[in-house]
């Protein structure tokens, strides 16, 4: 997995290439400035460590650092970070640093809206694997900063039998039986179903968790009723919007997974301004 330091370096190479022509032509070397990252809209912070890492990688000689912590809610006009450093490095890294923190704060802020909508119902709001390539770890951290929870990180850390697995295996029962034989006794088996017939079959063959994919609220309610008193975990998923969220949660499902938390979160509008030191 690409660590965020490596990701930062790749992003800087992409944006700066052989050098920041404008900055190098207009700003003398070793001049220092004071920098201020502030909010142009309210939100929840995520990515401040990556933001700083951009300037560290450019040898900006950061000093007098102050910042809010990830997971902090901020308002319009609020200072998010204040620091001093070498002007050339700060100007060269500005766009990359903003791209990271705006994107990740967008995920955290979007997640927080979903969490708040059902905060009184005890349901877990989860992300999915629908993340930006190579940014999964950062985006999943942003979901946590927004008050949500993480689903499995990748294909290697959990069994989830989906529609295409069922087709390839020849049915729900065959897929579950093969998964039970192909994993150790501590591994739980999750199955995605699209109707109540598949749901009943998944329960009958021993699934530990069932993902209710694009099912109606009425079907979800029936699924919840059929599993009362059992340890089966029920997860709702598929085109979950804020408008539908509460009705889904009120059925009593345990988990609601939402791909939009990472694939459709709008970036938060933040700005970086400098003054001469």
C-alpha atoms as a PDB file:
ATOM      1  CA  UNK A   1       0.000   0.000   0.000  1.00  0.00           C
ATOM      2  CA  UNK A   2       1.336   3.436  -0.880  1.00  0.00           C
ATOM      3  CA  UNK A   3       1.955   5.410   2.343  1.00  0.00           C
ATOM      4  CA  UNK A   4       0.806   9.008   2.428  1.00  0.00           C
ATOM      5  CA  UNK A   5       4.397  10.307   2.395  1.00  0.00           C
ATOM      6  CA  UNK A   6       4.989   8.515  -0.885  1.00  0.00           C
ATOM      7  CA  UNK A   7       1.656   9.792  -2.148  1.00  0.00           C
ATOM      8  CA  UNK A   8       2.642  13.353  -1.248  1.00  0.00           C
ATOM      9  CA  UNK A   9       5.904  13.019  -3.155  1.00  0.00           C
ATOM     10  CA  UNK A  10       4.132  11.665  -6.221  1.00  0.00           C
ATOM     11  CA  UNK A  11       1.607  14.509  -6.083  1.00  0.00           C
ATOM     12  CA  UNK A  12       4.378  17.103  -5.848  1.00  0.00           C
ATOM     13  CA  UNK A  13       6.201  15.587  -8.810  1.00  0.00           C
ATOM     14  CA  UNK A  14       2.959  15.742 -10.787  1.00  0.00           C
ATOM     15  CA  UNK A  15       2.362  19.423  -9.969  1.00  0.00           C
ATOM     16  CA  UNK A  16       5.864  20.886  -9.779  1.00  0.00           C
ATOM     17  CA  UNK A  17       7.786  18.721 -12.212  1.00  0.00           C
ATOM     18  CA  UNK A  18      11.208  20.266 -12.785  1.00  0.00           C
ATOM     19  CA  UNK A  19      10.373  23.392 -10.790  1.00  0.00           C
ATOM     20  CA  UNK A  20       7.858  26.133 -10.006  1.00  0.00           C
ATOM     21  CA  UNK A  21       8.830  28.578 -12.747  1.00  0.00           C
ATOM     22  CA  UNK A  22       6.652  31.452 -11.526  1.00  0.00           C
ATOM     23  CA  UNK A  23       7.721  31.292  -7.892  1.00  0.00           C
ATOM     24  CA  UNK A  24      11.401  30.820  -8.679  1.00  0.00           C
ATOM     25  CA  UNK A  25      11.332  33.835 -10.999  1.00  0.00           C
ATOM     26  CA  UNK A  26       9.561  36.198  -8.613  1.00  0.00           C
ATOM     27  CA  UNK A  27      10.519  35.177  -5.063  1.00  0.00           C
ATOM     28  CA  UNK A  28      14.118  35.320  -3.770  1.00  0.00           C
ATOM     29  CA  UNK A  29      15.463  32.151  -2.108  1.00  0.00           C
ATOM     30  CA  UNK A  30      15.386  31.803   1.685  1.00  0.00           C
ATOM     31  CA  UNK A  31      12.756  34.541   2.153  1.00  0.00           C
ATOM     32  CA  UNK A  32      10.276  33.537   4.860  1.00  0.00           C
ATOM     33  CA  UNK A  33       6.576  34.214   5.245  1.00  0.00           C
ATOM     34  CA  UNK A  34       3.699  33.624   7.603  1.00  0.00           C
ATOM     35  CA  UNK A  35       0.912  31.405   6.277  1.00  0.00           C
ATOM     36  CA  UNK A  36      -2.720  31.079   7.262  1.00  0.00           C
ATOM     37  CA  UNK A  37      -5.067  28.255   6.273  1.00  0.00           C
ATOM     38  CA  UNK A  38      -8.643  29.337   6.887  1.00  0.00           C
ATOM     39  CA  UNK A  39     -12.178  28.175   6.145  1.00  0.00           C
ATOM     40  CA  UNK A  40     -14.397  29.758   3.525  1.00  0.00           C
ATOM     41  CA  UNK A  41     -17.223  27.447   4.598  1.00  0.00           C
ATOM     42  CA  UNK A  42     -17.989  25.357   7.649  1.00  0.00           C
ATOM     43  CA  UNK A  43     -17.018  21.717   7.907  1.00  0.00           C
ATOM     44  CA  UNK A  44     -15.113  18.968   9.695  1.00  0.00           C
ATOM     45  CA  UNK A  45     -11.339  18.830   9.394  1.00  0.00           C
ATOM     46  CA  UNK A  46      -9.408  15.895   7.975  1.00  0.00           C
ATOM     47  CA  UNK A  47      -5.972  15.728   6.374  1.00  0.00           C
ATOM     48  CA  UNK A  48      -4.071  18.327   8.374  1.00  0.00           C
ATOM     49  CA  UNK A  49      -1.140  15.935   8.825  1.00  0.00           C
ATOM     50  CA  UNK A  50      -0.919  15.441   5.066  1.00  0.00           C
ATOM     51  CA  UNK A  51      -1.250  19.186   4.544  1.00  0.00           C
ATOM     52  CA  UNK A  52       1.816  19.817   6.698  1.00  0.00           C
ATOM     53  CA  UNK A  53       3.714  16.899   5.156  1.00  0.00           C
ATOM     54  CA  UNK A  54       3.581  18.599   1.752  1.00  0.00           C
ATOM     55  CA  UNK A  55       5.623  21.539   3.029  1.00  0.00           C
ATOM     56  CA  UNK A  56       7.937  19.319   5.035  1.00  0.00           C
ATOM     57  CA  UNK A  57       8.748  17.352   1.900  1.00  0.00           C
ATOM     58  CA  UNK A  58       9.682  20.634   0.192  1.00  0.00           C
ATOM     59  CA  UNK A  59      12.014  21.586   3.078  1.00  0.00           C
ATOM     60  CA  UNK A  60       9.931  24.616   3.993  1.00  0.00           C
ATOM     61  CA  UNK A  61      11.510  24.791   7.474  1.00  0.00           C
ATOM     62  CA  UNK A  62       8.126  25.037   9.193  1.00  0.00           C
ATOM     63  CA  UNK A  63       8.020  26.869  12.527  1.00  0.00           C
ATOM     64  CA  UNK A  64       5.446  28.427  14.875  1.00  0.00           C
ATOM     65  CA  UNK A  65       2.967  25.725  13.875  1.00  0.00           C
ATOM     66  CA  UNK A  66      -0.604  25.829  15.145  1.00  0.00           C
ATOM     67  CA  UNK A  67      -3.525  23.826  13.796  1.00  0.00           C
ATOM     68  CA  UNK A  68      -6.862  22.344  14.675  1.00  0.00           C
ATOM     69  CA  UNK A  69      -6.916  18.572  15.094  1.00  0.00           C
ATOM     70  CA  UNK A  70      -8.503  16.217  12.580  1.00  0.00           C
ATOM     71  CA  UNK A  71     -12.137  15.619  13.481  1.00  0.00           C
ATOM     72  CA  UNK A  72     -12.643  19.200  14.677  1.00  0.00           C
ATOM     73  CA  UNK A  73     -15.682  21.077  13.414  1.00  0.00           C
ATOM     74  CA  UNK A  74     -14.883  24.551  12.078  1.00  0.00           C
ATOM     75  CA  UNK A  75     -16.895  27.566  10.935  1.00  0.00           C
ATOM     76  CA  UNK A  76     -16.637  30.120   8.138  1.00  0.00           C
ATOM     77  CA  UNK A  77     -13.601  32.360   8.562  1.00  0.00           C
ATOM     78  CA  UNK A  78     -11.990  30.236  11.256  1.00  0.00           C
ATOM     79  CA  UNK A  79      -8.227  29.693  11.238  1.00  0.00           C
ATOM     80  CA  UNK A  80      -7.389  26.048  10.649  1.00  0.00           C
ATOM     81  CA  UNK A  81      -3.598  26.330  10.605  1.00  0.00           C
ATOM     82  CA  UNK A  82      -1.044  29.080  11.188  1.00  0.00           C
ATOM     83  CA  UNK A  83       2.680  28.649  10.547  1.00  0.00           C
ATOM     84  CA  UNK A  84       5.859  30.204   9.180  1.00  0.00           C
ATOM     85  CA  UNK A  85       8.217  28.872   6.554  1.00  0.00           C
ATOM     86  CA  UNK A  86      10.295  29.462   3.454  1.00  0.00           C
ATOM     87  CA  UNK A  87       8.117  31.327   0.973  1.00  0.00           C
ATOM     88  CA  UNK A  88       9.236  29.494  -2.167  1.00  0.00           C
ATOM     89  CA  UNK A  89       8.418  26.100  -0.650  1.00  0.00           C
ATOM     90  CA  UNK A  90       5.038  27.212   0.667  1.00  0.00           C
ATOM     91  CA  UNK A  91       3.995  28.668  -2.684  1.00  0.00           C
ATOM     92  CA  UNK A  92       5.203  25.605  -4.571  1.00  0.00           C
ATOM     93  CA  UNK A  93       3.303  23.226  -2.312  1.00  0.00           C
ATOM     94  CA  UNK A  94       0.156  25.312  -1.849  1.00  0.00           C
ATOM     95  CA  UNK A  95      -2.053  23.625  -4.440  1.00  0.00           C
ATOM     96  CA  UNK A  96      -1.106  20.069  -3.549  1.00  0.00           C
ATOM     97  CA  UNK A  97      -1.540  20.720   0.173  1.00  0.00           C
ATOM     98  CA  UNK A  98      -4.949  22.311  -0.406  1.00  0.00           C
ATOM     99  CA  UNK A  99      -6.058  19.510  -2.706  1.00  0.00           C
ATOM    100  CA  UNK A 100      -5.441  16.970   0.046  1.00  0.00           C
ATOM    101  CA  UNK A 101      -7.002  18.833   2.953  1.00  0.00           C
ATOM    102  CA  UNK A 102      -9.997  20.106   0.961  1.00  0.00           C
ATOM    103  CA  UNK A 103     -10.771  16.654  -0.397  1.00  0.00           C
ATOM    104  CA  UNK A 104     -10.373  14.858   2.926  1.00  0.00           C
ATOM    105  CA  UNK A 105     -12.277  17.499   4.880  1.00  0.00           C
ATOM    106  CA  UNK A 106     -15.040  17.128   2.309  1.00  0.00           C
ATOM    107  CA  UNK A 107     -15.281  13.411   3.079  1.00  0.00           C
ATOM    108  CA  UNK A 108     -15.306  14.066   6.836  1.00  0.00           C
ATOM    109  CA  UNK A 109     -17.943  16.801   6.502  1.00  0.00           C
ATOM    110  CA  UNK A 110     -20.190  14.712   4.254  1.00  0.00           C
ATOM    111  CA  UNK A 111     -19.892  11.765   6.611  1.00  0.00           C
ATOM    112  CA  UNK A 112     -20.774  13.937   9.603  1.00  0.00           C
ATOM    113  CA  UNK A 113     -24.034  14.959   7.930  1.00  0.00           C
ATOM    114  CA  UNK A 114     -25.096  11.321   7.541  1.00  0.00           C
ATOM    115  CA  UNK A 115     -24.050  10.445  11.083  1.00  0.00           C
ATOM    116  CA  UNK A 116     -25.996  13.375  12.534  1.00  0.00           C
ATOM    117  CA  UNK A 117     -29.146  12.426  10.644  1.00  0.00           C
ATOM    118  CA  UNK A 118     -29.449   9.106  12.531  1.00  0.00           C
ATOM    119  CA  UNK A 119     -27.423   9.794  15.667  1.00  0.00           C
ATOM    120  CA  UNK A 120     -30.311   8.768  17.944  1.00  0.00           C
ATOM    121  CA  UNK A 121     -30.935   5.403  16.283  1.00  0.00           C
ATOM    122  CA  UNK A 122     -27.751   3.493  17.091  1.00  0.00           C
ATOM    123  CA  UNK A 123     -27.009   2.452  13.511  1.00  0.00           C
ATOM    124  CA  UNK A 124     -23.440   2.393  12.205  1.00  0.00           C
ATOM    125  CA  UNK A 125     -22.669   4.556   9.158  1.00  0.00           C
ATOM    126  CA  UNK A 126     -19.913   2.916   7.111  1.00  0.00           C
ATOM    127  CA  UNK A 127     -17.841   3.641   4.040  1.00  0.00           C
ATOM    128  CA  UNK A 128     -17.125   1.195   1.195  1.00  0.00           C
ATOM    129  CA  UNK A 129     -14.217   0.383  -1.132  1.00  0.00           C
ATOM    130  CA  UNK A 130     -15.408   3.065  -3.585  1.00  0.00           C
ATOM    131  CA  UNK A 131     -12.416   5.261  -2.871  1.00  0.00           C
ATOM    132  CA  UNK A 132      -9.941   7.292  -4.910  1.00  0.00           C
ATOM    133  CA  UNK A 133      -7.134   4.982  -6.089  1.00  0.00           C
ATOM    134  CA  UNK A 134      -4.157   5.116  -3.694  1.00  0.00           C
ATOM    135  CA  UNK A 135      -6.041   7.397  -1.277  1.00  0.00           C
ATOM    136  CA  UNK A 136      -8.126   4.727   0.442  1.00  0.00           C
ATOM    137  CA  UNK A 137      -6.345   4.908   3.786  1.00  0.00           C
ATOM    138  CA  UNK A 138      -6.648   8.696   3.950  1.00  0.00           C
ATOM    139  CA  UNK A 139     -10.286   8.703   2.844  1.00  0.00           C
ATOM    140  CA  UNK A 140     -11.229   5.997   5.319  1.00  0.00           C
ATOM    141  CA  UNK A 141      -9.524   7.993   8.069  1.00  0.00           C
ATOM    142  CA  UNK A 142     -11.589  10.986   6.959  1.00  0.00           C
ATOM    143  CA  UNK A 143     -14.761   8.923   7.422  1.00  0.00           C
ATOM    144  CA  UNK A 144     -13.659   8.212  10.995  1.00  0.00           C
ATOM    145  CA  UNK A 145     -12.952  11.926  11.537  1.00  0.00           C
ATOM    146  CA  UNK A 146     -16.531  12.600  10.438  1.00  0.00           C
ATOM    147  CA  UNK A 147     -17.903  10.203  13.041  1.00  0.00           C
ATOM    148  CA  UNK A 148     -18.480   7.261  10.700  1.00  0.00           C
ATOM    149  CA  UNK A 149     -17.007   3.761  10.721  1.00  0.00           C
ATOM    150  CA  UNK A 150     -14.924   1.738   8.304  1.00  0.00           C
ATOM    151  CA  UNK A 151     -16.102  -1.276   6.343  1.00  0.00           C
ATOM    152  CA  UNK A 152     -13.453  -3.812   5.311  1.00  0.00           C
ATOM    153  CA  UNK A 153     -10.345  -2.071   4.031  1.00  0.00           C
ATOM    154  CA  UNK A 154      -9.711  -4.290   1.029  1.00  0.00           C
ATOM    155  CA  UNK A 155     -10.358  -7.703  -0.458  1.00  0.00           C
ATOM    156  CA  UNK A 156      -7.839  -9.367   1.867  1.00  0.00           C
ATOM    157  CA  UNK A 157      -9.500  -8.615   5.205  1.00  0.00           C
ATOM    158  CA  UNK A 158     -13.056  -9.883   4.990  1.00  0.00           C
ATOM    159  CA  UNK A 159     -15.402 -12.245   3.165  1.00  0.00           C
ATOM    160  CA  UNK A 160     -18.235 -10.553   1.294  1.00  0.00           C
ATOM    161  CA  UNK A 161     -19.925 -12.729  -1.317  1.00  0.00           C
ATOM    162  CA  UNK A 162     -21.447 -10.401  -3.897  1.00  0.00           C
ATOM    163  CA  UNK A 163     -23.726 -10.847  -6.888  1.00  0.00           C
ATOM    164  CA  UNK A 164     -20.988 -11.860  -9.310  1.00  0.00           C
ATOM    165  CA  UNK A 165     -19.524 -14.358  -6.822  1.00  0.00           C
ATOM    166  CA  UNK A 166     -22.975 -15.917  -6.474  1.00  0.00           C
ATOM    167  CA  UNK A 167     -23.338 -16.136 -10.248  1.00  0.00           C
ATOM    168  CA  UNK A 168     -19.891 -17.679 -10.651  1.00  0.00           C
ATOM    169  CA  UNK A 169     -20.460 -20.183  -7.827  1.00  0.00           C
ATOM    170  CA  UNK A 170     -23.890 -21.243  -9.055  1.00  0.00           C
ATOM    171  CA  UNK A 171     -26.017 -19.805  -6.264  1.00  0.00           C
ATOM    172  CA  UNK A 172     -26.074 -18.385  -2.759  1.00  0.00           C
ATOM    173  CA  UNK A 173     -25.829 -21.735  -1.001  1.00  0.00           C
ATOM    174  CA  UNK A 174     -22.943 -22.961  -3.127  1.00  0.00           C
ATOM    175  CA  UNK A 175     -21.043 -19.708  -2.628  1.00  0.00           C
ATOM    176  CA  UNK A 176     -21.485 -19.729   1.149  1.00  0.00           C
ATOM    177  CA  UNK A 177     -20.548 -23.390   1.463  1.00  0.00           C
ATOM    178  CA  UNK A 178     -17.368 -22.848  -0.529  1.00  0.00           C
ATOM    179  CA  UNK A 179     -16.495 -19.796   1.537  1.00  0.00           C
ATOM    180  CA  UNK A 180     -16.963 -21.765   4.746  1.00  0.00           C
ATOM    181  CA  UNK A 181     -14.630 -24.468   3.485  1.00  0.00           C
ATOM    182  CA  UNK A 182     -12.099 -22.013   2.095  1.00  0.00           C
ATOM    183  CA  UNK A 183     -11.633 -19.864   5.237  1.00  0.00           C
ATOM    184  CA  UNK A 184     -10.640 -20.526   8.839  1.00  0.00           C
ATOM    185  CA  UNK A 185     -13.153 -20.988  11.641  1.00  0.00           C
ATOM    186  CA  UNK A 186     -12.746 -17.440  12.994  1.00  0.00           C
ATOM    187  CA  UNK A 187     -13.655 -15.781   9.688  1.00  0.00           C
ATOM    188  CA  UNK A 188     -17.227 -14.516   9.369  1.00  0.00           C
ATOM    189  CA  UNK A 189     -19.113 -14.894   6.101  1.00  0.00           C
ATOM    190  CA  UNK A 190     -21.000 -11.973   4.602  1.00  0.00           C
ATOM    191  CA  UNK A 191     -23.409 -12.293   1.675  1.00  0.00           C
ATOM    192  CA  UNK A 192     -25.000  -9.653  -0.562  1.00  0.00           C
ATOM    193  CA  UNK A 193     -28.645 -10.298  -1.479  1.00  0.00           C
ATOM    194  CA  UNK A 194     -31.104  -8.369  -3.615  1.00  0.00           C
ATOM    195  CA  UNK A 195     -34.440  -9.895  -2.548  1.00  0.00           C
ATOM    196  CA  UNK A 196     -36.058 -11.749   0.334  1.00  0.00           C
ATOM    197  CA  UNK A 197     -35.758 -15.124  -1.373  1.00  0.00           C
ATOM    198  CA  UNK A 198     -31.981 -14.780  -1.534  1.00  0.00           C
ATOM    199  CA  UNK A 199     -32.052 -13.414   2.014  1.00  0.00           C
ATOM    200  CA  UNK A 200     -33.815 -16.521   3.347  1.00  0.00           C
ATOM    201  CA  UNK A 201     -31.358 -18.737   1.485  1.00  0.00           C
ATOM    202  CA  UNK A 202     -28.391 -16.848   2.959  1.00  0.00           C
ATOM    203  CA  UNK A 203     -29.765 -17.323   6.458  1.00  0.00           C
ATOM    204  CA  UNK A 204     -30.482 -21.001   5.898  1.00  0.00           C
ATOM    205  CA  UNK A 205     -26.928 -21.780   4.768  1.00  0.00           C
ATOM    206  CA  UNK A 206     -25.255 -20.046   7.698  1.00  0.00           C
ATOM    207  CA  UNK A 207     -24.264 -16.522   6.666  1.00  0.00           C
ATOM    208  CA  UNK A 208     -23.058 -14.380   9.586  1.00  0.00           C
ATOM    209  CA  UNK A 209     -23.842 -11.054   7.925  1.00  0.00           C
ATOM    210  CA  UNK A 210     -26.228 -10.167   5.116  1.00  0.00           C
ATOM    211  CA  UNK A 211     -25.951  -7.074   2.939  1.00  0.00           C
ATOM    212  CA  UNK A 212     -29.369  -5.917   1.741  1.00  0.00           C
ATOM    213  CA  UNK A 213     -28.540  -4.433  -1.643  1.00  0.00           C
ATOM    214  CA  UNK A 214     -30.946  -1.888  -3.140  1.00  0.00           C
ATOM    215  CA  UNK A 215     -33.905  -3.397  -1.317  1.00  0.00           C
ATOM    216  CA  UNK A 216     -37.017  -1.393  -0.475  1.00  0.00           C
ATOM    217  CA  UNK A 217     -37.587  -0.123   3.039  1.00  0.00           C
ATOM    218  CA  UNK A 218     -40.444  -2.610   3.405  1.00  0.00           C
ATOM    219  CA  UNK A 219     -38.184  -5.505   2.382  1.00  0.00           C
ATOM    220  CA  UNK A 220     -35.506  -4.340   4.811  1.00  0.00           C
ATOM    221  CA  UNK A 221     -38.079  -4.237   7.586  1.00  0.00           C
ATOM    222  CA  UNK A 222     -39.129  -7.808   6.810  1.00  0.00           C
ATOM    223  CA  UNK A 223     -35.483  -8.902   6.877  1.00  0.00           C
ATOM    224  CA  UNK A 224     -34.996  -7.280  10.281  1.00  0.00           C
ATOM    225  CA  UNK A 225     -38.140  -8.954  11.619  1.00  0.00           C
ATOM    226  CA  UNK A 226     -36.948 -12.368  10.409  1.00  0.00           C
ATOM    227  CA  UNK A 227     -33.650 -12.098  12.263  1.00  0.00           C
ATOM    228  CA  UNK A 228     -34.805 -10.774  15.634  1.00  0.00           C
ATOM    229  CA  UNK A 229     -33.151 -12.724  18.431  1.00  0.00           C
ATOM    230  CA  UNK A 230     -30.272 -13.901  16.227  1.00  0.00           C
ATOM    231  CA  UNK A 231     -26.679 -12.703  15.914  1.00  0.00           C
ATOM    232  CA  UNK A 232     -26.925 -12.094  12.167  1.00  0.00           C
ATOM    233  CA  UNK A 233     -25.672  -8.634  11.218  1.00  0.00           C
ATOM    234  CA  UNK A 234     -27.816  -6.787   8.696  1.00  0.00           C
ATOM    235  CA  UNK A 235     -26.289  -4.159   6.436  1.00  0.00           C
ATOM    236  CA  UNK A 236     -28.258  -1.880   4.126  1.00  0.00           C
ATOM    237  CA  UNK A 237     -26.535  -0.606   1.016  1.00  0.00           C
ATOM    238  CA  UNK A 238     -27.178   0.779  -2.437  1.00  0.00           C
ATOM    239  CA  UNK A 239     -27.950   4.373  -3.465  1.00  0.00           C
ATOM    240  CA  UNK A 240     -28.343   5.570   0.099  1.00  0.00           C
ATOM    241  CA  UNK A 241     -29.061   9.311   0.216  1.00  0.00           C
ATOM    242  CA  UNK A 242     -29.667  11.677   3.108  1.00  0.00           C
ATOM    243  CA  UNK A 243     -33.331  11.811   2.096  1.00  0.00           C
ATOM    244  CA  UNK A 244     -33.721   8.028   2.489  1.00  0.00           C
ATOM    245  CA  UNK A 245     -31.283   7.504   5.339  1.00  0.00           C
ATOM    246  CA  UNK A 246     -33.569   7.860   8.321  1.00  0.00           C
ATOM    247  CA  UNK A 247     -36.278   5.591   6.918  1.00  0.00           C
ATOM    248  CA  UNK A 248     -33.653   2.916   6.284  1.00  0.00           C
ATOM    249  CA  UNK A 249     -32.190   3.291   9.785  1.00  0.00           C
ATOM    250  CA  UNK A 250     -35.609   3.059  11.408  1.00  0.00           C
ATOM    251  CA  UNK A 251     -36.042  -0.483  10.082  1.00  0.00           C
ATOM    252  CA  UNK A 252     -33.474  -1.624  12.663  1.00  0.00           C
ATOM    253  CA  UNK A 253     -30.596  -2.630  10.385  1.00  0.00           C
ATOM    254  CA  UNK A 254     -27.257  -2.608  12.167  1.00  0.00           C
ATOM    255  CA  UNK A 255     -25.086  -1.019   9.479  1.00  0.00           C
ATOM    256  CA  UNK A 256     -25.695   1.331   6.546  1.00  0.00           C
ATOM    257  CA  UNK A 257     -22.835   1.432   4.050  1.00  0.00           C
ATOM    258  CA  UNK A 258     -22.623   4.429   1.742  1.00  0.00           C
ATOM    259  CA  UNK A 259     -20.242   4.610  -1.209  1.00  0.00           C
ATOM    260  CA  UNK A 260     -21.057   8.282  -1.676  1.00  0.00           C
ATOM    261  CA  UNK A 261     -19.159   9.162   1.503  1.00  0.00           C
ATOM    262  CA  UNK A 262     -15.945   8.814  -0.465  1.00  0.00           C
ATOM    263  CA  UNK A 263     -16.873   8.836  -4.144  1.00  0.00           C
ATOM    264  CA  UNK A 264     -19.216  11.838  -4.119  1.00  0.00           C
ATOM    265  CA  UNK A 265     -18.211  14.067  -1.200  1.00  0.00           C
ATOM    266  CA  UNK A 266     -17.758  17.706  -2.346  1.00  0.00           C
ATOM    267  CA  UNK A 267     -14.463  19.328  -1.395  1.00  0.00           C
ATOM    268  CA  UNK A 268     -14.565  21.921   1.371  1.00  0.00           C
ATOM    269  CA  UNK A 269     -13.581  25.448   0.343  1.00  0.00           C
ATOM    270  CA  UNK A 270     -10.381  26.358   2.218  1.00  0.00           C
ATOM    271  CA  UNK A 271      -7.824  29.014   1.384  1.00  0.00           C
ATOM    272  CA  UNK A 272      -4.135  29.595   2.122  1.00  0.00           C
ATOM    273  CA  UNK A 273      -2.838  33.139   2.324  1.00  0.00           C
ATOM    274  CA  UNK A 274       0.627  34.422   3.152  1.00  0.00           C
ATOM    275  CA  UNK A 275       2.094  37.615   4.586  1.00  0.00           C
ATOM    276  CA  UNK A 276       5.727  38.608   4.652  1.00  0.00           C
ATOM    277  CA  UNK A 277       7.505  37.537   7.801  1.00  0.00           C
END
